[in-house]
Amino acid sequence: MVDGTSSTKVNWDYTEHASYYDKRADYSSDAVKNLLKEIDCSPPKPVADIGAGTGKLTKELLKHGLTVSSVEPNDAMRTIGIQNTGKSATWSVGTGEATGLPTSSVYAAFFGSSFNVVDQSLALSEVSRILVPKGWFSCMWNHRDLDDPIQHRIESVIRSSIPTYSYGSRREDPTNIINTSGQFSATRSMEGNFTSKMPKSDVIEAWKSHATLKRQAGGDSVFDNIIEEIASCLDPLPEVIDVPYTTRIYFAQKIK
């Protein structure tokens, strides 16, 4: 089910990346399961997946019998998300700063790889608004193990073209901004390591979804060249490779 018909204007436009986004690894099922247990988020409690993209986290939340409202500002991403989840989730147009969800309507609000592309202070205020008393906020990201030999090689490819390349806030600990918001109790964290077996073609497609890399490349030609070099780097390897990840999760309870 979907409410709303048009995208909300945002600073990060994923339209050109949407078709590649599903090639990214899913979040650690064990880590998500442990999080839900820790915050006592059991079915059929209402939750929100904010910046839901193509529905990767939404699908994981649905597996646990939760009632999921998926909020995504980008038409292309949301269309794929609806295809991926069918009628199991309610999809709507909105952003982390303005979800469009009713006040005190969800038990938990999750940001899967999206808390780094919002105004975090405004998003935390919005989350506090939509949460029930003593509800929960959580954000999470998948981080590749950059010490893995293959991933280390890919990093070298990127930095040969962009020496100052930075992953930005997606690899930074958000604890301080959550704690200083004055709206949540002390932030806690957990993580889960996993290895995703990925066809080389999927690895390359997943890199095409990387908006942070595209931004810092400064243009299509540099970005396309990096993707081509990553492909060349992977070419001698087996058709399916192991990509080690860590799902890192941060969560905090609404004070009131």
C-alpha atoms as a PDB file:
ATOM      1  CA  MET A   1       0.000   0.000   0.000  1.00  0.00           C
ATOM      2  CA  VAL A   2       1.269   3.493  -0.754  1.00  0.00           C
ATOM      3  CA  ASP A   3       0.157   6.952   0.270  1.00  0.00           C
ATOM      4  CA  GLY A   4       1.305  10.051  -1.632  1.00  0.00           C
ATOM      5  CA  THR A   5       2.259  10.329  -5.266  1.00  0.00           C
ATOM      6  CA  SER A   6       5.312  12.545  -5.636  1.00  0.00           C
ATOM      7  CA  SER A   7       8.815  12.877  -4.246  1.00  0.00           C
ATOM      8  CA  THR A   8       9.738  15.321  -1.515  1.00  0.00           C
ATOM      9  CA  LYS A   9      12.728  17.495  -2.394  1.00  0.00           C
ATOM     10  CA  VAL A  10      15.870  16.250  -0.620  1.00  0.00           C
ATOM     11  CA  ASN A  11      19.575  17.000  -0.749  1.00  0.00           C
ATOM     12  CA  TRP A  12      20.444  13.440  -1.795  1.00  0.00           C
ATOM     13  CA  ASP A  13      18.754  12.324  -5.016  1.00  0.00           C
ATOM     14  CA  TYR A  14      19.021   8.551  -5.488  1.00  0.00           C
ATOM     15  CA  THR A  15      17.013   8.351  -8.711  1.00  0.00           C
ATOM     16  CA  GLU A  16      19.934   7.311 -10.904  1.00  0.00           C
ATOM     17  CA  HIS A  17      21.168   4.847  -8.267  1.00  0.00           C
ATOM     18  CA  ALA A  18      17.843   3.175  -7.459  1.00  0.00           C
ATOM     19  CA  SER A  19      18.000   0.327  -9.964  1.00  0.00           C
ATOM     20  CA  TYR A  20      21.345  -0.800  -8.522  1.00  0.00           C
ATOM     21  CA  TYR A  21      20.495  -0.459  -4.848  1.00  0.00           C
ATOM     22  CA  ASP A  22      19.064  -3.959  -4.391  1.00  0.00           C
ATOM     23  CA  LYS A  23      22.473  -5.432  -5.206  1.00  0.00           C
ATOM     24  CA  ARG A  24      23.760  -4.187  -1.858  1.00  0.00           C
ATOM     25  CA  ALA A  25      24.034  -6.688   0.974  1.00  0.00           C
ATOM     26  CA  ASP A  26      21.107  -7.113   3.350  1.00  0.00           C
ATOM     27  CA  TYR A  27      21.520  -6.240   7.016  1.00  0.00           C
ATOM     28  CA  SER A  28      22.614  -8.937   9.453  1.00  0.00           C
ATOM     29  CA  SER A  29      19.451 -10.875  10.331  1.00  0.00           C
ATOM     30  CA  ASP A  30      20.931 -11.839  13.694  1.00  0.00           C
ATOM     31  CA  ALA A  31      21.794  -8.231  14.534  1.00  0.00           C
ATOM     32  CA  VAL A  32      18.290  -7.012  13.677  1.00  0.00           C
ATOM     33  CA  LYS A  33      16.761  -9.891  15.641  1.00  0.00           C
ATOM     34  CA  ASN A  34      18.897  -9.047  18.679  1.00  0.00           C
ATOM     35  CA  LEU A  35      17.948  -5.378  18.415  1.00  0.00           C
ATOM     36  CA  LEU A  36      14.227  -6.131  18.330  1.00  0.00           C
ATOM     37  CA  LYS A  37      14.599  -8.408  21.345  1.00  0.00           C
ATOM     38  CA  GLU A  38      16.572  -5.754  23.251  1.00  0.00           C
ATOM     39  CA  ILE A  39      13.917  -3.082  22.710  1.00  0.00           C
ATOM     40  CA  ASP A  40      11.009  -5.496  23.193  1.00  0.00           C
ATOM     41  CA  CYS A  41       9.705  -4.822  19.707  1.00  0.00           C
ATOM     42  CA  SER A  42       7.354  -7.730  19.138  1.00  0.00           C
ATOM     43  CA  PRO A  43       4.482  -8.308  16.679  1.00  0.00           C
ATOM     44  CA  PRO A  44       2.286  -6.651  15.732  1.00  0.00           C
ATOM     45  CA  LYS A  45       3.741  -3.401  17.086  1.00  0.00           C
ATOM     46  CA  PRO A  46       3.717  -0.465  14.636  1.00  0.00           C
ATOM     47  CA  VAL A  47       7.157   0.699  13.490  1.00  0.00           C
ATOM     48  CA  ALA A  48       8.557   3.058  10.866  1.00  0.00           C
ATOM     49  CA  ASP A  49      11.361   2.474   8.378  1.00  0.00           C
ATOM     50  CA  ILE A  50      12.475   5.986   7.495  1.00  0.00           C
ATOM     51  CA  GLY A  51      14.437   6.486   4.309  1.00  0.00           C
ATOM     52  CA  ALA A  52      13.322   2.974   3.441  1.00  0.00           C
ATOM     53  CA  GLY A  53      14.893   2.988  -0.022  1.00  0.00           C
ATOM     54  CA  THR A  54      14.137  -0.241  -1.852  1.00  0.00           C
ATOM     55  CA  GLY A  55      12.846  -1.919   1.288  1.00  0.00           C
ATOM     56  CA  LYS A  56      15.863  -3.847   2.547  1.00  0.00           C
ATOM     57  CA  LEU A  57      15.212  -3.107   6.218  1.00  0.00           C
ATOM     58  CA  THR A  58      11.452  -3.117   5.708  1.00  0.00           C
ATOM     59  CA  LYS A  59      11.639  -6.728   4.519  1.00  0.00           C
ATOM     60  CA  GLU A  60      13.628  -7.707   7.605  1.00  0.00           C
ATOM     61  CA  LEU A  61      11.149  -6.009   9.939  1.00  0.00           C
ATOM     62  CA  LEU A  62       8.219  -7.695   8.194  1.00  0.00           C
ATOM     63  CA  LYS A  63       9.817 -11.099   8.840  1.00  0.00           C
ATOM     64  CA  HIS A  64       9.285 -10.420  12.541  1.00  0.00           C
ATOM     65  CA  GLY A  65       5.569  -9.742  12.138  1.00  0.00           C
ATOM     66  CA  LEU A  66       5.772  -6.004  12.755  1.00  0.00           C
ATOM     67  CA  THR A  67       3.361  -3.475  11.254  1.00  0.00           C
ATOM     68  CA  VAL A  68       5.663  -1.395   9.077  1.00  0.00           C
ATOM     69  CA  SER A  69       5.189   2.128   7.721  1.00  0.00           C
ATOM     70  CA  SER A  70       7.916   2.708   5.122  1.00  0.00           C
ATOM     71  CA  VAL A  71       8.763   6.342   4.416  1.00  0.00           C
ATOM     72  CA  GLU A  72      10.801   7.141   1.292  1.00  0.00           C
ATOM     73  CA  PRO A  73      11.051  10.488  -0.544  1.00  0.00           C
ATOM     74  CA  ASN A  74      12.440   9.189  -3.840  1.00  0.00           C
ATOM     75  CA  ASP A  75       9.912   7.901  -6.391  1.00  0.00           C
ATOM     76  CA  ALA A  76      12.304   5.456  -8.062  1.00  0.00           C
ATOM     77  CA  MET A  77      13.478   3.919  -4.799  1.00  0.00           C
ATOM     78  CA  ARG A  78       9.960   3.740  -3.397  1.00  0.00           C
ATOM     79  CA  THR A  79       8.606   2.053  -6.533  1.00  0.00           C
ATOM     80  CA  ILE A  80      11.166  -0.730  -6.191  1.00  0.00           C
ATOM     81  CA  GLY A  81      10.468  -0.951  -2.466  1.00  0.00           C
ATOM     82  CA  ILE A  82       6.772  -1.488  -3.106  1.00  0.00           C
ATOM     83  CA  GLN A  83       7.624  -4.204  -5.636  1.00  0.00           C
ATOM     84  CA  ASN A  84       9.862  -5.873  -3.061  1.00  0.00           C
ATOM     85  CA  THR A  85       7.357  -5.844  -0.216  1.00  0.00           C
ATOM     86  CA  GLY A  86       3.986  -6.058  -1.952  1.00  0.00           C
ATOM     87  CA  LYS A  87       1.081  -5.037   0.260  1.00  0.00           C
ATOM     88  CA  SER A  88       2.802  -6.110   3.468  1.00  0.00           C
ATOM     89  CA  ALA A  89       4.017  -2.585   4.307  1.00  0.00           C
ATOM     90  CA  THR A  90       2.397   0.846   3.999  1.00  0.00           C
ATOM     91  CA  TRP A  91       4.575   3.121   1.880  1.00  0.00           C
ATOM     92  CA  SER A  92       4.407   6.901   1.937  1.00  0.00           C
ATOM     93  CA  VAL A  93       6.287   9.985   0.765  1.00  0.00           C
ATOM     94  CA  GLY A  94       8.301  11.770   3.429  1.00  0.00           C
ATOM     95  CA  THR A  95      11.736  12.498   4.827  1.00  0.00           C
ATOM     96  CA  GLY A  96      13.528  11.969   8.101  1.00  0.00           C
ATOM     97  CA  GLU A  97      12.848  15.586   9.004  1.00  0.00           C
ATOM     98  CA  ALA A  98       9.170  15.456   7.968  1.00  0.00           C
ATOM     99  CA  THR A  99       7.881  11.882   7.861  1.00  0.00           C
ATOM    100  CA  GLY A 100       4.212  12.720   7.442  1.00  0.00           C
ATOM    101  CA  LEU A 101       3.370  10.069  10.049  1.00  0.00           C
ATOM    102  CA  PRO A 102       0.900  10.833  12.846  1.00  0.00           C
ATOM    103  CA  THR A 103       2.096  11.930  16.283  1.00  0.00           C
ATOM    104  CA  SER A 104       2.675   9.075  18.767  1.00  0.00           C
ATOM    105  CA  SER A 105       1.956   6.477  16.093  1.00  0.00           C
ATOM    106  CA  VAL A 106       4.934   4.080  16.177  1.00  0.00           C
ATOM    107  CA  TYR A 107       6.721   2.064  18.820  1.00  0.00           C
ATOM    108  CA  ALA A 108      10.092   2.272  17.053  1.00  0.00           C
ATOM    109  CA  ALA A 109      11.578   4.289  14.203  1.00  0.00           C
ATOM    110  CA  PHE A 110      14.459   2.803  12.201  1.00  0.00           C
ATOM    111  CA  PHE A 111      16.906   4.464   9.821  1.00  0.00           C
ATOM    112  CA  GLY A 112      18.659   1.890   7.625  1.00  0.00           C
ATOM    113  CA  SER A 113      21.637   3.609   5.947  1.00  0.00           C
ATOM    114  CA  SER A 114      19.656   6.854   5.913  1.00  0.00           C
ATOM    115  CA  PHE A 115      20.467   8.756   9.105  1.00  0.00           C
ATOM    116  CA  ASN A 116      23.609  10.098   7.431  1.00  0.00           C
ATOM    117  CA  VAL A 117      21.668  11.896   4.678  1.00  0.00           C
ATOM    118  CA  VAL A 118      19.298  13.905   6.884  1.00  0.00           C
ATOM    119  CA  ASP A 119      19.553  16.909   9.163  1.00  0.00           C
ATOM    120  CA  GLN A 120      20.088  14.734  12.214  1.00  0.00           C
ATOM    121  CA  SER A 121      18.874  17.217  14.822  1.00  0.00           C
ATOM    122  CA  LEU A 122      15.629  17.823  12.935  1.00  0.00           C
ATOM    123  CA  ALA A 123      15.199  14.099  12.282  1.00  0.00           C
ATOM    124  CA  LEU A 124      15.571  13.268  15.982  1.00  0.00           C
ATOM    125  CA  SER A 125      12.910  15.854  16.846  1.00  0.00           C
ATOM    126  CA  GLU A 126      10.613  14.359  14.216  1.00  0.00           C
ATOM    127  CA  VAL A 127      11.239  10.851  15.510  1.00  0.00           C
ATOM    128  CA  SER A 128      10.427  11.967  19.038  1.00  0.00           C
ATOM    129  CA  ARG A 129       7.142  13.347  17.722  1.00  0.00           C
ATOM    130  CA  ILE A 130       6.028  10.157  15.976  1.00  0.00           C
ATOM    131  CA  LEU A 131       7.147   7.779  18.742  1.00  0.00           C
ATOM    132  CA  VAL A 132       4.816   6.624  21.486  1.00  0.00           C
ATOM    133  CA  PRO A 133       5.994   7.422  25.035  1.00  0.00           C
ATOM    134  CA  LYS A 134       9.120   5.386  25.811  1.00  0.00           C
ATOM    135  CA  GLY A 135       9.395   4.391  22.140  1.00  0.00           C
ATOM    136  CA  TRP A 136      12.704   3.658  20.435  1.00  0.00           C
ATOM    137  CA  PHE A 137      14.955   5.265  17.838  1.00  0.00           C
ATOM    138  CA  SER A 138      17.522   3.216  15.922  1.00  0.00           C
ATOM    139  CA  CYS A 139      19.910   3.783  13.048  1.00  0.00           C
ATOM    140  CA  MET A 140      22.149   1.253  11.345  1.00  0.00           C
ATOM    141  CA  TRP A 141      24.634   0.800   8.523  1.00  0.00           C
ATOM    142  CA  ASN A 142      26.462  -2.021   6.801  1.00  0.00           C
ATOM    143  CA  HIS A 143      30.215  -1.421   6.806  1.00  0.00           C
ATOM    144  CA  ARG A 144      32.530  -3.434   4.598  1.00  0.00           C
ATOM    145  CA  ASP A 145      35.646  -4.808   6.275  1.00  0.00           C
ATOM    146  CA  LEU A 146      38.257  -2.558   4.699  1.00  0.00           C
ATOM    147  CA  ASP A 147      41.083  -4.796   5.972  1.00  0.00           C
ATOM    148  CA  ASP A 148      39.870  -7.637   3.776  1.00  0.00           C
ATOM    149  CA  PRO A 149      42.374  -8.019   0.891  1.00  0.00           C
ATOM    150  CA  ILE A 150      39.759  -7.574  -1.852  1.00  0.00           C
ATOM    151  CA  GLN A 151      38.146  -4.585  -0.159  1.00  0.00           C
ATOM    152  CA  HIS A 152      41.561  -3.086   0.539  1.00  0.00           C
ATOM    153  CA  ARG A 153      42.279  -3.311  -3.189  1.00  0.00           C
ATOM    154  CA  ILE A 154      39.014  -1.563  -3.996  1.00  0.00           C
ATOM    155  CA  GLU A 155      39.866   1.205  -1.541  1.00  0.00           C
ATOM    156  CA  SER A 156      43.176   1.696  -3.326  1.00  0.00           C
ATOM    157  CA  VAL A 157      41.337   2.028  -6.637  1.00  0.00           C
ATOM    158  CA  ILE A 158      39.045   4.701  -5.197  1.00  0.00           C
ATOM    159  CA  ARG A 159      41.807   6.698  -3.532  1.00  0.00           C
ATOM    160  CA  SER A 160      43.952   6.656  -6.622  1.00  0.00           C
ATOM    161  CA  SER A 161      41.250   8.812  -8.244  1.00  0.00           C
ATOM    162  CA  ILE A 162      39.999  10.596  -5.103  1.00  0.00           C
ATOM    163  CA  PRO A 163      42.899  10.887  -2.616  1.00  0.00           C
ATOM    164  CA  THR A 164      40.730  12.721  -0.082  1.00  0.00           C
ATOM    165  CA  TYR A 165      37.801  10.286  -0.323  1.00  0.00           C
ATOM    166  CA  SER A 166      35.721  10.058   2.843  1.00  0.00           C
ATOM    167  CA  TYR A 167      32.707   7.921   3.757  1.00  0.00           C
ATOM    168  CA  GLY A 168      31.421  10.790   5.875  1.00  0.00           C
ATOM    169  CA  SER A 169      28.924  10.337   8.676  1.00  0.00           C
ATOM    170  CA  ARG A 170      27.833   6.854   7.556  1.00  0.00           C
ATOM    171  CA  ARG A 171      30.976   5.543   9.273  1.00  0.00           C
ATOM    172  CA  GLU A 172      30.840   7.952  12.210  1.00  0.00           C
ATOM    173  CA  ASP A 173      29.389   7.168  15.641  1.00  0.00           C
ATOM    174  CA  PRO A 174      26.127   9.166  16.043  1.00  0.00           C
ATOM    175  CA  THR A 175      26.042   8.700  19.833  1.00  0.00           C
ATOM    176  CA  ASN A 176      26.890  12.297  20.695  1.00  0.00           C
ATOM    177  CA  ILE A 177      24.193  13.931  18.598  1.00  0.00           C
ATOM    178  CA  ILE A 178      21.582  11.470  19.892  1.00  0.00           C
ATOM    179  CA  ASN A 179      22.605  11.971  23.525  1.00  0.00           C
ATOM    180  CA  THR A 180      22.768  15.760  23.279  1.00  0.00           C
ATOM    181  CA  SER A 181      19.355  16.031  21.638  1.00  0.00           C
ATOM    182  CA  GLY A 182      17.791  15.900  25.085  1.00  0.00           C
ATOM    183  CA  GLN A 183      15.025  13.634  23.802  1.00  0.00           C
ATOM    184  CA  PHE A 184      16.513  10.176  24.303  1.00  0.00           C
ATOM    185  CA  SER A 185      18.193   8.183  27.037  1.00  0.00           C
ATOM    186  CA  ALA A 186      21.843   7.108  26.717  1.00  0.00           C
ATOM    187  CA  THR A 187      22.570   5.617  23.317  1.00  0.00           C
ATOM    188  CA  ARG A 188      23.502   1.952  23.161  1.00  0.00           C
ATOM    189  CA  SER A 189      25.011  -0.015  20.312  1.00  0.00           C
ATOM    190  CA  MET A 190      25.415  -3.524  18.967  1.00  0.00           C
ATOM    191  CA  GLU A 191      26.808  -5.079  15.847  1.00  0.00           C
ATOM    192  CA  GLY A 192      26.808  -8.278  13.847  1.00  0.00           C
ATOM    193  CA  ASN A 193      29.490  -9.584  11.521  1.00  0.00           C
ATOM    194  CA  PHE A 194      28.565 -11.547   8.430  1.00  0.00           C
ATOM    195  CA  THR A 195      29.891 -12.507   5.039  1.00  0.00           C
ATOM    196  CA  SER A 196      27.836 -12.029   1.913  1.00  0.00           C
ATOM    197  CA  LYS A 197      28.593 -14.280  -1.043  1.00  0.00           C
ATOM    198  CA  MET A 198      28.148 -11.980  -4.014  1.00  0.00           C
ATOM    199  CA  PRO A 199      28.553 -12.510  -7.752  1.00  0.00           C
ATOM    200  CA  LYS A 200      31.175 -10.127  -9.071  1.00  0.00           C
ATOM    201  CA  SER A 201      28.547  -8.521 -11.287  1.00  0.00           C
ATOM    202  CA  ASP A 202      26.443  -7.710  -8.196  1.00  0.00           C
ATOM    203  CA  VAL A 203      29.433  -6.164  -6.443  1.00  0.00           C
ATOM    204  CA  ILE A 204      29.991  -3.877  -9.423  1.00  0.00           C
ATOM    205  CA  GLU A 205      26.281  -3.002  -9.661  1.00  0.00           C
ATOM    206  CA  ALA A 206      26.215  -2.243  -5.924  1.00  0.00           C
ATOM    207  CA  TRP A 207      29.031   0.266  -6.373  1.00  0.00           C
ATOM    208  CA  LYS A 208      26.929   2.025  -9.016  1.00  0.00           C
ATOM    209  CA  SER A 209      24.416   2.776  -6.235  1.00  0.00           C
ATOM    210  CA  HIS A 210      27.029   4.578  -4.132  1.00  0.00           C
ATOM    211  CA  ALA A 211      25.891   8.204  -4.012  1.00  0.00           C
ATOM    212  CA  THR A 212      28.713   9.235  -1.649  1.00  0.00           C
ATOM    213  CA  LEU A 213      31.292   8.028  -4.144  1.00  0.00           C
ATOM    214  CA  LYS A 214      29.471   9.689  -7.033  1.00  0.00           C
ATOM    215  CA  ARG A 215      29.364  13.019  -5.208  1.00  0.00           C
ATOM    216  CA  GLN A 216      33.043  13.018  -4.356  1.00  0.00           C
ATOM    217  CA  ALA A 217      34.034  11.843  -7.833  1.00  0.00           C
ATOM    218  CA  GLY A 218      32.821  15.223  -9.022  1.00  0.00           C
ATOM    219  CA  GLY A 219      31.496  13.996 -12.359  1.00  0.00           C
ATOM    220  CA  ASP A 220      30.286  11.049 -14.395  1.00  0.00           C
ATOM    221  CA  SER A 221      33.605  10.402 -16.124  1.00  0.00           C
ATOM    222  CA  VAL A 222      35.592   9.998 -12.895  1.00  0.00           C
ATOM    223  CA  PHE A 223      32.840   7.922 -11.306  1.00  0.00           C
ATOM    224  CA  ASP A 224      32.495   5.666 -14.358  1.00  0.00           C
ATOM    225  CA  ASN A 225      36.252   5.215 -14.516  1.00  0.00           C
ATOM    226  CA  ILE A 226      36.354   4.127 -10.871  1.00  0.00           C
ATOM    227  CA  ILE A 227      33.598   1.567 -11.494  1.00  0.00           C
ATOM    228  CA  GLU A 228      35.515   0.240 -14.489  1.00  0.00           C
ATOM    229  CA  GLU A 229      38.707  -0.053 -12.436  1.00  0.00           C
ATOM    230  CA  ILE A 230      36.858  -1.892  -9.668  1.00  0.00           C
ATOM    231  CA  ALA A 231      35.531  -4.287 -12.313  1.00  0.00           C
ATOM    232  CA  SER A 232      39.075  -4.841 -13.613  1.00  0.00           C
ATOM    233  CA  CYS A 233      40.275  -5.409 -10.062  1.00  0.00           C
ATOM    234  CA  LEU A 234      37.657  -8.138  -9.572  1.00  0.00           C
ATOM    235  CA  ASP A 235      38.070  -9.703 -13.014  1.00  0.00           C
ATOM    236  CA  PRO A 236      40.710 -12.344 -12.054  1.00  0.00           C
ATOM    237  CA  LEU A 237      38.684 -13.511  -9.032  1.00  0.00           C
ATOM    238  CA  PRO A 238      36.121 -16.346  -8.899  1.00  0.00           C
ATOM    239  CA  GLU A 239      32.638 -15.519 -10.160  1.00  0.00           C
ATOM    240  CA  VAL A 240      31.310 -15.421  -6.583  1.00  0.00           C
ATOM    241  CA  ILE A 241      33.359 -13.682  -3.909  1.00  0.00           C
ATOM    242  CA  ASP A 242      33.070 -13.306  -0.149  1.00  0.00           C
ATOM    243  CA  VAL A 243      32.399  -9.754   1.007  1.00  0.00           C
ATOM    244  CA  PRO A 244      32.763  -9.353   4.800  1.00  0.00           C
ATOM    245  CA  TYR A 245      30.471  -6.839   6.498  1.00  0.00           C
ATOM    246  CA  THR A 246      29.537  -5.569   9.928  1.00  0.00           C
ATOM    247  CA  THR A 247      26.030  -4.290  10.601  1.00  0.00           C
ATOM    248  CA  ARG A 248      26.475  -1.516  13.172  1.00  0.00           C
ATOM    249  CA  ILE A 249      23.386  -0.460  15.110  1.00  0.00           C
ATOM    250  CA  TYR A 250      22.782   2.447  17.486  1.00  0.00           C
ATOM    251  CA  PHE A 251      19.584   2.765  19.513  1.00  0.00           C
ATOM    252  CA  ALA A 252      18.078   4.895  22.266  1.00  0.00           C
ATOM    253  CA  GLN A 253      14.770   5.147  24.106  1.00  0.00           C
ATOM    254  CA  LYS A 254      12.590   8.225  24.088  1.00  0.00           C
ATOM    255  CA  ILE A 255      12.741   9.841  27.525  1.00  0.00           C
ATOM    256  CA  LYS A 256       9.043  10.698  27.785  1.00  0.00           C
END
